[in-house]
Amino acid sequence: RTSDLMKPELVERNANILIIVELPGLSLTMRGKALEAGAEGD
């Protein structure tokens, strides 16, 4: 079924990630770790 499918996971659990903070006129980035896996939009 379609419910057996999902968007591909772009982030794996415990993966090193880039955290982006968008502010008016400013974009901040920081390093972090994913505590959960997730697909686009999750």
Full PDB file with SEQRES, HELIX, SHEET, SSBOND, CRYST1, ORIGX, SCALE, CONECT and MASTER records, all heavy atoms in Angstrom:
SEQRES   1 A   42  ARG THR SER ASP LEU MET LYS PRO GLU LEU VAL GLU ARG          
SEQRES   2 A   42  ASN ALA ASN ILE LEU ILE ILE VAL GLU LEU PRO GLY LEU          
SEQRES   3 A   42  SER LEU THR MET ARG GLY LYS ALA LEU GLU ALA GLY ALA          
SEQRES   4 A   42  GLU GLY ASP                                                  
HELIX    1 AA1 THR A    2  ASP A    4  5                                   3    
SHEET    1 AA1 2 GLU A   9  VAL A  11  0                                        
SHEET    2 AA1 2 GLY A  38  ALA A  39 -1                                        
SHEET    1 AA2 2 ASN A  16  LEU A  23  0                                        
SHEET    2 AA2 2 LEU A  26  LYS A  33 -1                                        
CRYST1    1.000    1.000    1.000  90.00  90.00  90.00 P 1           1          
ORIGX1      1.000000  0.000000  0.000000        0.00000                         
ORIGX2      0.000000  1.000000  0.000000        0.00000                         
ORIGX3      0.000000  0.000000  1.000000        0.00000                         
SCALE1      1.000000  0.000000  0.000000        0.00000                         
SCALE2      0.000000  1.000000  0.000000        0.00000                         
SCALE3      0.000000  0.000000  1.000000        0.00000                         
ATOM      1  N   ARG A   1       0.822  -1.203   0.000  1.00  0.00           N  
ATOM      2  CA  ARG A   1       0.000   0.000   0.000  1.00  0.00           C  
ATOM      3  C   ARG A   1       0.860   1.259   0.000  1.00  0.00           C  
ATOM      4  O   ARG A   1       2.051   1.222   0.323  1.00  0.00           O  
ATOM      5  CB  ARG A   1      -0.927  -0.010   1.228  1.00  0.00           C  
ATOM      6  CG  ARG A   1      -1.795  -1.256   1.309  1.00  0.00           C  
ATOM      7  CD  ARG A   1      -2.596  -1.275   2.598  1.00  0.00           C  
ATOM      8  NE  ARG A   1      -3.390  -2.496   2.715  1.00  0.00           N  
ATOM      9  CZ  ARG A   1      -4.149  -2.804   3.764  1.00  0.00           C  
ATOM     10  NH1 ARG A   1      -4.204  -1.964   4.798  1.00  0.00           N  
ATOM     11  NH2 ARG A   1      -4.844  -3.921   3.779  1.00  0.00           N  
ATOM     12  N   THR A   2       0.213   2.357  -0.316  1.00  0.00           N  
ATOM     13  CA  THR A   2       0.923   3.635  -0.286  1.00  0.00           C  
ATOM     14  C   THR A   2       1.371   3.969   1.136  1.00  0.00           C  
ATOM     15  O   THR A   2       2.379   4.655   1.324  1.00  0.00           O  
ATOM     16  CB  THR A   2       0.031   4.760  -0.825  1.00  0.00           C  
ATOM     17  OG1 THR A   2      -1.207   4.778  -0.091  1.00  0.00           O  
ATOM     18  CG2 THR A   2      -0.274   4.550  -2.300  1.00  0.00           C  
ATOM     19  N   SER A   3       0.639   3.465   2.124  1.00  0.00           N  
ATOM     20  CA  SER A   3       1.026   3.716   3.519  1.00  0.00           C  
ATOM     21  C   SER A   3       2.280   2.945   3.911  1.00  0.00           C  
ATOM     22  O   SER A   3       2.860   3.200   4.970  1.00  0.00           O  
ATOM     23  CB  SER A   3      -0.123   3.338   4.454  1.00  0.00           C  
ATOM     24  OG  SER A   3      -0.509   1.978   4.281  1.00  0.00           O  
ATOM     25  N   ASP A   4       2.695   1.990   3.069  1.00  0.00           N  
ATOM     26  CA  ASP A   4       3.934   1.259   3.321  1.00  0.00           C  
ATOM     27  C   ASP A   4       5.152   2.005   2.782  1.00  0.00           C  
ATOM     28  O   ASP A   4       6.277   1.511   2.868  1.00  0.00           O  
ATOM     29  CB  ASP A   4       3.877  -0.131   2.678  1.00  0.00           C  
ATOM     30  CG  ASP A   4       2.797  -1.015   3.285  1.00  0.00           C  
ATOM     31  OD1 ASP A   4       2.602  -0.920   4.503  1.00  0.00           O  
ATOM     32  OD2 ASP A   4       2.154  -1.777   2.539  1.00  0.00           O  
ATOM     33  N   LEU A   5       4.912   3.181   2.211  1.00  0.00           N  
ATOM     34  CA  LEU A   5       5.993   3.969   1.620  1.00  0.00           C  
ATOM     35  C   LEU A   5       6.132   5.302   2.347  1.00  0.00           C  
ATOM     36  O   LEU A   5       5.209   5.751   3.029  1.00  0.00           O  
ATOM     37  CB  LEU A   5       5.707   4.225   0.135  1.00  0.00           C  
ATOM     38  CG  LEU A   5       5.543   2.983  -0.751  1.00  0.00           C  
ATOM     39  CD1 LEU A   5       5.054   3.398  -2.130  1.00  0.00           C  
ATOM     40  CD2 LEU A   5       6.838   2.201  -0.854  1.00  0.00           C  
ATOM     41  N   MET A   6       7.262   5.915   2.185  1.00  0.00           N  
ATOM     42  CA  MET A   6       7.505   7.220   2.790  1.00  0.00           C  
ATOM     43  C   MET A   6       8.532   7.951   1.942  1.00  0.00           C  
ATOM     44  O   MET A   6       9.187   7.359   1.070  1.00  0.00           O  
ATOM     45  CB  MET A   6       8.025   7.065   4.224  1.00  0.00           C  
ATOM     46  CG  MET A   6       9.352   6.313   4.325  1.00  0.00           C  
ATOM     47  SD  MET A   6       9.881   6.086   6.047  1.00  0.00           S  
ATOM     48  CE  MET A   6      11.448   5.237   5.808  1.00  0.00           C  
ATOM     49  N   LYS A   7       8.661   9.233   2.212  1.00  0.00           N  
ATOM     50  CA  LYS A   7       9.719   9.975   1.542  1.00  0.00           C  
ATOM     51  C   LYS A   7      11.074   9.433   1.995  1.00  0.00           C  
ATOM     52  O   LYS A   7      11.217   9.030   3.154  1.00  0.00           O  
ATOM     53  CB  LYS A   7       9.617  11.459   1.875  1.00  0.00           C  
ATOM     54  CG  LYS A   7       8.374  12.141   1.315  1.00  0.00           C  
ATOM     55  CD  LYS A   7       8.357  13.608   1.687  1.00  0.00           C  
ATOM     56  CE  LYS A   7       7.125  14.299   1.135  1.00  0.00           C  
ATOM     57  NZ  LYS A   7       7.071  15.732   1.515  1.00  0.00           N  
ATOM     58  N   PRO A   8      12.060   9.433   1.140  1.00  0.00           N  
ATOM     59  CA  PRO A   8      13.380   8.908   1.527  1.00  0.00           C  
ATOM     60  C   PRO A   8      13.945   9.697   2.707  1.00  0.00           C  
ATOM     61  O   PRO A   8      13.814  10.925   2.784  1.00  0.00           O  
ATOM     62  CB  PRO A   8      14.237   9.121   0.275  1.00  0.00           C  
ATOM     63  CG  PRO A   8      13.260   9.231  -0.840  1.00  0.00           C  
ATOM     64  CD  PRO A   8      12.041   9.862  -0.273  1.00  0.00           C  
ATOM     65  N   GLU A   9      14.552   8.991   3.651  1.00  0.00           N  
ATOM     66  CA  GLU A   9      15.171   9.646   4.803  1.00  0.00           C  
ATOM     67  C   GLU A   9      16.439  10.374   4.361  1.00  0.00           C  
ATOM     68  O   GLU A   9      17.355   9.766   3.816  1.00  0.00           O  
ATOM     69  CB  GLU A   9      15.500   8.622   5.889  1.00  0.00           C  
ATOM     70  CG  GLU A   9      14.258   8.044   6.568  1.00  0.00           C  
ATOM     71  CD  GLU A   9      14.603   7.086   7.696  1.00  0.00           C  
ATOM     72  OE1 GLU A   9      15.779   6.692   7.785  1.00  0.00           O  
ATOM     73  OE2 GLU A   9      13.701   6.728   8.461  1.00  0.00           O  
ATOM     74  N   LEU A  10      16.430  11.693   4.606  1.00  0.00           N  
ATOM     75  CA  LEU A  10      17.605  12.498   4.267  1.00  0.00           C  
ATOM     76  C   LEU A  10      18.548  12.637   5.451  1.00  0.00           C  
ATOM     77  O   LEU A  10      19.701  13.034   5.288  1.00  0.00           O  
ATOM     78  CB  LEU A  10      17.156  13.890   3.792  1.00  0.00           C  
ATOM     79  CG  LEU A  10      16.288  13.903   2.523  1.00  0.00           C  
ATOM     80  CD1 LEU A  10      15.867  15.334   2.203  1.00  0.00           C  
ATOM     81  CD2 LEU A  10      17.037  13.280   1.361  1.00  0.00           C  
ATOM     82  N   VAL A  11      18.001  12.314   6.636  1.00  0.00           N  
ATOM     83  CA  VAL A  11      18.816  12.397   7.851  1.00  0.00           C  
ATOM     84  C   VAL A  11      18.684  11.080   8.598  1.00  0.00           C  
ATOM     85  O   VAL A  11      17.570  10.622   8.864  1.00  0.00           O  
ATOM     86  CB  VAL A  11      18.370  13.558   8.752  1.00  0.00           C  
ATOM     87  CG1 VAL A  11      19.149  13.543  10.071  1.00  0.00           C  
ATOM     88  CG2 VAL A  11      18.541  14.891   8.039  1.00  0.00           C  
ATOM     89  N   GLU A  12      19.803  10.474   8.916  1.00  0.00           N  
ATOM     90  CA  GLU A  12      19.789   9.245   9.701  1.00  0.00           C  
ATOM     91  C   GLU A  12      19.975   9.564  11.180  1.00  0.00           C  
ATOM     92  O   GLU A  12      20.577  10.589  11.548  1.00  0.00           O  
ATOM     93  CB  GLU A  12      20.895   8.298   9.234  1.00  0.00           C  
ATOM     94  CG  GLU A  12      20.728   7.796   7.817  1.00  0.00           C  
ATOM     95  CD  GLU A  12      21.816   6.820   7.426  1.00  0.00           C  
ATOM     96  OE1 GLU A  12      22.715   6.570   8.272  1.00  0.00           O  
ATOM     97  OE2 GLU A  12      21.780   6.314   6.295  1.00  0.00           O  
ATOM     98  N   ARG A  13      19.471   8.700  12.020  1.00  0.00           N  
ATOM     99  CA  ARG A  13      19.622   8.874  13.469  1.00  0.00           C  
ATOM    100  C   ARG A  13      21.114   8.868  13.828  1.00  0.00           C  
ATOM    101  O   ARG A  13      21.884   8.056  13.328  1.00  0.00           O  
ATOM    102  CB  ARG A  13      18.878   7.760  14.197  1.00  0.00           C  
ATOM    103  CG  ARG A  13      18.831   7.920  15.711  1.00  0.00           C  
ATOM    104  CD  ARG A  13      17.900   6.872  16.300  1.00  0.00           C  
ATOM    105  NE  ARG A  13      17.805   6.997  17.744  1.00  0.00           N  
ATOM    106  CZ  ARG A  13      18.604   6.381  18.615  1.00  0.00           C  
ATOM    107  NH1 ARG A  13      19.543   5.563  18.161  1.00  0.00           N  
ATOM    108  NH2 ARG A  13      18.453   6.561  19.908  1.00  0.00           N  
ATOM    109  N   ASN A  14      21.512   9.815  14.701  1.00  0.00           N  
ATOM    110  CA  ASN A  14      22.893   9.979  15.172  1.00  0.00           C  
ATOM    111  C   ASN A  14      23.831  10.526  14.104  1.00  0.00           C  
ATOM    112  O   ASN A  14      25.055  10.551  14.295  1.00  0.00           O  
ATOM    113  CB  ASN A  14      23.463   8.666  15.728  1.00  0.00           C  
ATOM    114  CG  ASN A  14      22.749   8.220  16.996  1.00  0.00           C  
ATOM    115  OD1 ASN A  14      22.317   9.065  17.800  1.00  0.00           O  
ATOM    116  ND2 ASN A  14      22.612   6.921  17.175  1.00  0.00           N  
ATOM    117  N   ALA A  15      23.269  10.965  12.968  1.00  0.00           N  
ATOM    118  CA  ALA A  15      24.124  11.536  11.917  1.00  0.00           C  
ATOM    119  C   ALA A  15      24.557  12.951  12.290  1.00  0.00           C  
ATOM    120  O   ALA A  15      23.844  13.682  12.987  1.00  0.00           O  
ATOM    121  CB  ALA A  15      23.370  11.550  10.601  1.00  0.00           C  
ATOM    122  N   ASN A  16      25.742  13.346  11.856  1.00  0.00           N  
ATOM    123  CA  ASN A  16      26.194  14.723  12.010  1.00  0.00           C  
ATOM    124  C   ASN A  16      25.445  15.584  11.009  1.00  0.00           C  
ATOM    125  O   ASN A  16      25.384  15.266   9.815  1.00  0.00           O  
ATOM    126  CB  ASN A  16      27.696  14.826  11.773  1.00  0.00           C  
ATOM    127  CG  ASN A  16      28.492  14.119  12.845  1.00  0.00           C  
ATOM    128  OD1 ASN A  16      28.138  14.191  14.033  1.00  0.00           O  
ATOM    129  ND2 ASN A  16      29.572  13.458  12.460  1.00  0.00           N  
ATOM    130  N   ILE A  17      24.887  16.682  11.495  1.00  0.00           N  
ATOM    131  CA  ILE A  17      24.042  17.504  10.644  1.00  0.00           C  
ATOM    132  C   ILE A  17      24.442  18.968  10.750  1.00  0.00           C  
ATOM    133  O   ILE A  17      25.183  19.369  11.649  1.00  0.00           O  
ATOM    134  CB  ILE A  17      22.555  17.361  11.040  1.00  0.00           C  
ATOM    135  CG1 ILE A  17      22.359  17.771  12.506  1.00  0.00           C  
ATOM    136  CG2 ILE A  17      22.055  15.954  10.774  1.00  0.00           C  
ATOM    137  CD1 ILE A  17      20.899  17.837  12.929  1.00  0.00           C  
ATOM    138  N   LEU A  18      23.902  19.739   9.799  1.00  0.00           N  
ATOM    139  CA  LEU A  18      24.075  21.181   9.809  1.00  0.00           C  
ATOM    140  C   LEU A  18      22.729  21.804  10.163  1.00  0.00           C  
ATOM    141  O   LEU A  18      21.734  21.588   9.462  1.00  0.00           O  
ATOM    142  CB  LEU A  18      24.545  21.658   8.434  1.00  0.00           C  
ATOM    143  CG  LEU A  18      24.952  23.138   8.328  1.00  0.00           C  
ATOM    144  CD1 LEU A  18      26.188  23.412   9.186  1.00  0.00           C  
ATOM    145  CD2 LEU A  18      25.214  23.505   6.869  1.00  0.00           C  
ATOM    146  N   ILE A  19      22.704  22.563  11.262  1.00  0.00           N  
ATOM    147  CA  ILE A  19      21.480  23.223  11.706  1.00  0.00           C  
ATOM    148  C   ILE A  19      21.506  24.659  11.210  1.00  0.00           C  
ATOM    149  O   ILE A  19      22.477  25.388  11.450  1.00  0.00           O  
ATOM    150  CB  ILE A  19      21.370  23.205  13.243  1.00  0.00           C  
ATOM    151  CG1 ILE A  19      21.448  21.765  13.762  1.00  0.00           C  
ATOM    152  CG2 ILE A  19      20.081  23.869  13.692  1.00  0.00           C  
ATOM    153  CD1 ILE A  19      21.528  21.669  15.278  1.00  0.00           C  
ATOM    154  N   ILE A  20      20.462  25.049  10.488  1.00  0.00           N  
ATOM    155  CA  ILE A  20      20.396  26.380   9.885  1.00  0.00           C  
ATOM    156  C   ILE A  20      19.301  27.183  10.582  1.00  0.00           C  
ATOM    157  O   ILE A  20      18.185  26.716  10.775  1.00  0.00           O  
ATOM    158  CB  ILE A  20      20.111  26.285   8.382  1.00  0.00           C  
ATOM    159  CG1 ILE A  20      21.213  25.460   7.697  1.00  0.00           C  
ATOM    160  CG2 ILE A  20      19.992  27.670   7.755  1.00  0.00           C  
ATOM    161  CD1 ILE A  20      20.950  25.178   6.256  1.00  0.00           C  
ATOM    162  N   VAL A  21      19.661  28.405  10.963  1.00  0.00           N  
ATOM    163  CA  VAL A  21      18.704  29.334  11.567  1.00  0.00           C  
ATOM    164  C   VAL A  21      18.588  30.539  10.644  1.00  0.00           C  
ATOM    165  O   VAL A  21      19.575  31.239  10.386  1.00  0.00           O  
ATOM    166  CB  VAL A  21      19.164  29.785  12.974  1.00  0.00           C  
ATOM    167  CG1 VAL A  21      18.135  30.732  13.594  1.00  0.00           C  
ATOM    168  CG2 VAL A  21      19.410  28.587  13.867  1.00  0.00           C  
ATOM    169  N   GLU A  22      17.395  30.756  10.089  1.00  0.00           N  
ATOM    170  CA  GLU A  22      17.160  31.867   9.184  1.00  0.00           C  
ATOM    171  C   GLU A  22      16.555  33.035   9.968  1.00  0.00           C  
ATOM    172  O   GLU A  22      15.504  32.903  10.594  1.00  0.00           O  
ATOM    173  CB  GLU A  22      16.209  31.448   8.055  1.00  0.00           C  
ATOM    174  CG  GLU A  22      16.764  30.373   7.137  1.00  0.00           C  
ATOM    175  CD  GLU A  22      17.878  30.889   6.239  1.00  0.00           C  
ATOM    176  OE1 GLU A  22      18.058  32.133   6.172  1.00  0.00           O  
ATOM    177  OE2 GLU A  22      18.574  30.062   5.626  1.00  0.00           O  
ATOM    178  N   LEU A  23      17.248  34.171   9.958  1.00  0.00           N  
ATOM    179  CA  LEU A  23      16.773  35.396  10.605  1.00  0.00           C  
ATOM    180  C   LEU A  23      16.647  36.484   9.547  1.00  0.00           C  
ATOM    181  O   LEU A  23      17.271  36.402   8.486  1.00  0.00           O  
ATOM    182  CB  LEU A  23      17.763  35.835  11.691  1.00  0.00           C  
ATOM    183  CG  LEU A  23      18.015  34.838  12.830  1.00  0.00           C  
ATOM    184  CD1 LEU A  23      19.147  35.335  13.696  1.00  0.00           C  
ATOM    185  CD2 LEU A  23      16.751  34.631  13.634  1.00  0.00           C  
ATOM    186  N   PRO A  24      15.856  37.478   9.809  1.00  0.00           N  
ATOM    187  CA  PRO A  24      15.742  38.577   8.842  1.00  0.00           C  
ATOM    188  C   PRO A  24      17.105  39.175   8.531  1.00  0.00           C  
ATOM    189  O   PRO A  24      17.787  39.703   9.415  1.00  0.00           O  
ATOM    190  CB  PRO A  24      14.837  39.584   9.562  1.00  0.00           C  
ATOM    191  CG  PRO A  24      14.035  38.761  10.500  1.00  0.00           C  
ATOM    192  CD  PRO A  24      14.964  37.689  10.965  1.00  0.00           C  
ATOM    193  N   GLY A  25      17.515  39.019   7.296  1.00  0.00           N  
ATOM    194  CA  GLY A  25      18.791  39.563   6.866  1.00  0.00           C  
ATOM    195  C   GLY A  25      19.991  38.799   7.373  1.00  0.00           C  
ATOM    196  O   GLY A  25      21.136  39.259   7.201  1.00  0.00           O  
ATOM    197  N   LEU A  26      19.771  37.636   7.973  1.00  0.00           N  
ATOM    198  CA  LEU A  26      20.902  36.917   8.558  1.00  0.00           C  
ATOM    199  C   LEU A  26      20.611  35.415   8.554  1.00  0.00           C  
ATOM    200  O   LEU A  26      19.489  34.976   8.818  1.00  0.00           O  
ATOM    201  CB  LEU A  26      21.136  37.389   9.999  1.00  0.00           C  
ATOM    202  CG  LEU A  26      22.296  36.725  10.760  1.00  0.00           C  
ATOM    203  CD1 LEU A  26      23.634  37.051  10.088  1.00  0.00           C  
ATOM    204  CD2 LEU A  26      22.275  37.181  12.210  1.00  0.00           C  
ATOM    205  N   SER A  27      21.617  34.621   8.242  1.00  0.00           N  
ATOM    206  CA  SER A  27      21.504  33.166   8.269  1.00  0.00           C  
ATOM    207  C   SER A  27      22.615  32.613   9.134  1.00  0.00           C  
ATOM    208  O   SER A  27      23.803  32.887   8.896  1.00  0.00           O  
ATOM    209  CB  SER A  27      21.615  32.594   6.852  1.00  0.00           C  
ATOM    210  OG  SER A  27      21.560  31.180   6.886  1.00  0.00           O  
ATOM    211  N   LEU A  28      22.232  31.876  10.172  1.00  0.00           N  
ATOM    212  CA  LEU A  28      23.202  31.292  11.091  1.00  0.00           C  
ATOM    213  C   LEU A  28      23.253  29.783  10.888  1.00  0.00           C  
ATOM    214  O   LEU A  28      22.237  29.143  10.609  1.00  0.00           O  
ATOM    215  CB  LEU A  28      22.808  31.603  12.533  1.00  0.00           C  
ATOM    216  CG  LEU A  28      22.665  33.086  12.899  1.00  0.00           C  
ATOM    217  CD1 LEU A  28      22.182  33.210  14.336  1.00  0.00           C  
ATOM    218  CD2 LEU A  28      23.988  33.809  12.703  1.00  0.00           C  
ATOM    219  N   THR A  29      24.433  29.216  11.029  1.00  0.00           N  
ATOM    220  CA  THR A  29      24.578  27.766  10.947  1.00  0.00           C  
ATOM    221  C   THR A  29      25.344  27.270  12.161  1.00  0.00           C  
ATOM    222  O   THR A  29      26.171  27.991  12.727  1.00  0.00           O  
ATOM    223  CB  THR A  29      25.352  27.353   9.671  1.00  0.00           C  
ATOM    224  OG1 THR A  29      26.651  27.934   9.707  1.00  0.00           O  
ATOM    225  CG2 THR A  29      24.603  27.797   8.431  1.00  0.00           C  
ATOM    226  N   MET A  30      25.028  26.043  12.535  1.00  0.00           N  
ATOM    227  CA  MET A  30      25.725  25.422  13.658  1.00  0.00           C  
ATOM    228  C   MET A  30      25.761  23.920  13.426  1.00  0.00           C  
ATOM    229  O   MET A  30      24.921  23.355  12.708  1.00  0.00           O  
ATOM    230  CB  MET A  30      25.033  25.761  14.981  1.00  0.00           C  
ATOM    231  CG  MET A  30      23.592  25.301  15.065  1.00  0.00           C  
ATOM    232  SD  MET A  30      22.717  25.955  16.511  1.00  0.00           S  
ATOM    233  CE  MET A  30      22.357  27.610  15.962  1.00  0.00           C  
ATOM    234  N   ARG A  31      26.731  23.288  14.044  1.00  0.00           N  
ATOM    235  CA  ARG A  31      26.868  21.843  13.929  1.00  0.00           C  
ATOM    236  C   ARG A  31      26.022  21.168  14.997  1.00  0.00           C  
ATOM    237  O   ARG A  31      25.863  21.696  16.103  1.00  0.00           O  
ATOM    238  CB  ARG A  31      28.328  21.425  14.081  1.00  0.00           C  
ATOM    239  CG  ARG A  31      29.250  21.978  13.006  1.00  0.00           C  
ATOM    240  CD  ARG A  31      28.942  21.346  11.669  1.00  0.00           C  
ATOM    241  NE  ARG A  31      29.783  21.899  10.602  1.00  0.00           N  
ATOM    242  CZ  ARG A  31      29.706  21.521   9.336  1.00  0.00           C  
ATOM    243  NH1 ARG A  31      28.831  20.577   8.981  1.00  0.00           N  
ATOM    244  NH2 ARG A  31      30.490  22.075   8.433  1.00  0.00           N  
ATOM    245  N   GLY A  32      25.473  20.009  14.623  1.00  0.00           N  
ATOM    246  CA  GLY A  32      24.665  19.296  15.587  1.00  0.00           C  
ATOM    247  C   GLY A  32      24.588  17.813  15.259  1.00  0.00           C  
ATOM    248  O   GLY A  32      25.261  17.309  14.349  1.00  0.00           O  
ATOM    249  N   LYS A  33      23.757  17.129  16.015  1.00  0.00           N  
ATOM    250  CA  LYS A  33      23.563  15.688  15.825  1.00  0.00           C  
ATOM    251  C   LYS A  33      22.061  15.402  15.767  1.00  0.00           C  
ATOM    252  O   LYS A  33      21.273  15.960  16.549  1.00  0.00           O  
ATOM    253  CB  LYS A  33      24.198  14.901  16.968  1.00  0.00           C  
ATOM    254  CG  LYS A  33      24.052  13.378  16.800  1.00  0.00           C  
ATOM    255  CD  LYS A  33      24.826  12.619  17.858  1.00  0.00           C  
ATOM    256  CE  LYS A  33      24.128  12.707  19.201  1.00  0.00           C  
ATOM    257  NZ  LYS A  33      24.756  11.808  20.201  1.00  0.00           N  
ATOM    258  N   ALA A  34      21.680  14.514  14.838  1.00  0.00           N  
ATOM    259  CA  ALA A  34      20.270  14.136  14.722  1.00  0.00           C  
ATOM    260  C   ALA A  34      19.962  13.055  15.752  1.00  0.00           C  
ATOM    261  O   ALA A  34      20.629  12.019  15.799  1.00  0.00           O  
ATOM    262  CB  ALA A  34      19.979  13.629  13.317  1.00  0.00           C  
ATOM    263  N   LEU A  35      18.965  13.315  16.567  1.00  0.00           N  
ATOM    264  CA  LEU A  35      18.534  12.322  17.548  1.00  0.00           C  
ATOM    265  C   LEU A  35      17.451  11.404  16.987  1.00  0.00           C  
ATOM    266  O   LEU A  35      17.100  10.408  17.609  1.00  0.00           O  
ATOM    267  CB  LEU A  35      18.032  13.028  18.813  1.00  0.00           C  
ATOM    268  CG  LEU A  35      19.048  13.966  19.481  1.00  0.00           C  
ATOM    269  CD1 LEU A  35      18.436  14.595  20.724  1.00  0.00           C  
ATOM    270  CD2 LEU A  35      20.323  13.217  19.817  1.00  0.00           C  
ATOM    271  N   GLU A  36      16.946  11.772  15.797  1.00  0.00           N  
ATOM    272  CA  GLU A  36      15.945  10.940  15.108  1.00  0.00           C  
ATOM    273  C   GLU A  36      16.237  10.962  13.616  1.00  0.00           C  
ATOM    274  O   GLU A  36      16.892  11.887  13.118  1.00  0.00           O  
ATOM    275  CB  GLU A  36      14.530  11.489  15.342  1.00  0.00           C  
ATOM    276  CG  GLU A  36      14.054  11.469  16.781  1.00  0.00           C  
ATOM    277  CD  GLU A  36      12.701  12.112  16.920  1.00  0.00           C  
ATOM    278  OE1 GLU A  36      12.588  13.342  16.658  1.00  0.00           O  
ATOM    279  OE2 GLU A  36      11.742  11.409  17.264  1.00  0.00           O  
ATOM    280  N   ALA A  37      15.743   9.967  12.916  1.00  0.00           N  
ATOM    281  CA  ALA A  37      15.839   9.953  11.457  1.00  0.00           C  
ATOM    282  C   ALA A  37      14.635  10.697  10.889  1.00  0.00           C  
ATOM    283  O   ALA A  37      13.592  10.812  11.530  1.00  0.00           O  
ATOM    284  CB  ALA A  37      15.867   8.526  10.936  1.00  0.00           C  
ATOM    285  N   GLY A  38      14.777  11.217   9.671  1.00  0.00           N  
ATOM    286  CA  GLY A  38      13.653  11.929   9.077  1.00  0.00           C  
ATOM    287  C   GLY A  38      13.809  12.149   7.599  1.00  0.00           C  
ATOM    288  O   GLY A  38      14.925  12.209   7.071  1.00  0.00           O  
ATOM    289  N   ALA A  39      12.638  12.243   6.922  1.00  0.00           N  
ATOM    290  CA  ALA A  39      12.603  12.564   5.500  1.00  0.00           C  
ATOM    291  C   ALA A  39      12.356  14.052   5.340  1.00  0.00           C  
ATOM    292  O   ALA A  39      12.115  14.775   6.318  1.00  0.00           O  
ATOM    293  CB  ALA A  39      11.493  11.769   4.824  1.00  0.00           C  
ATOM    294  N   GLU A  40      12.384  14.534   4.112  1.00  0.00           N  
ATOM    295  CA  GLU A  40      12.162  15.952   3.859  1.00  0.00           C  
ATOM    296  C   GLU A  40      10.801  16.382   4.398  1.00  0.00           C  
ATOM    297  O   GLU A  40       9.778  15.749   4.144  1.00  0.00           O  
ATOM    298  CB  GLU A  40      12.235  16.239   2.362  1.00  0.00           C  
ATOM    299  CG  GLU A  40      12.117  17.711   2.027  1.00  0.00           C  
ATOM    300  CD  GLU A  40      12.266  17.971   0.533  1.00  0.00           C  
ATOM    301  OE1 GLU A  40      12.340  16.990  -0.236  1.00  0.00           O  
ATOM    302  OE2 GLU A  40      12.314  19.153   0.153  1.00  0.00           O  
ATOM    303  N   GLY A  41      10.824  17.459   5.182  1.00  0.00           N  
ATOM    304  CA  GLY A  41       9.596  17.975   5.765  1.00  0.00           C  
ATOM    305  C   GLY A  41       9.266  17.426   7.130  1.00  0.00           C  
ATOM    306  O   GLY A  41       8.398  17.962   7.824  1.00  0.00           O  
ATOM    307  N   ASP A  42       9.940  16.350   7.550  1.00  0.00           N  
ATOM    308  CA  ASP A  42       9.697  15.789   8.884  1.00  0.00           C  
ATOM    309  C   ASP A  42      10.290  16.703   9.957  1.00  0.00           C  
ATOM    310  O   ASP A  42      11.344  17.331   9.756  1.00  0.00           O  
ATOM    311  CB  ASP A  42      10.325  14.399   9.013  1.00  0.00           C  
ATOM    312  CG  ASP A  42       9.568  13.341   8.232  1.00  0.00           C  
ATOM    313  OD1 ASP A  42       8.442  13.634   7.776  1.00  0.00           O  
ATOM    314  OD2 ASP A  42      10.107  12.221   8.077  1.00  0.00           O  
TER     315      ASP A  42                                                      
MASTER        0    0    0    1    4    0    0    6  314    1    0    4          
END                                                                             
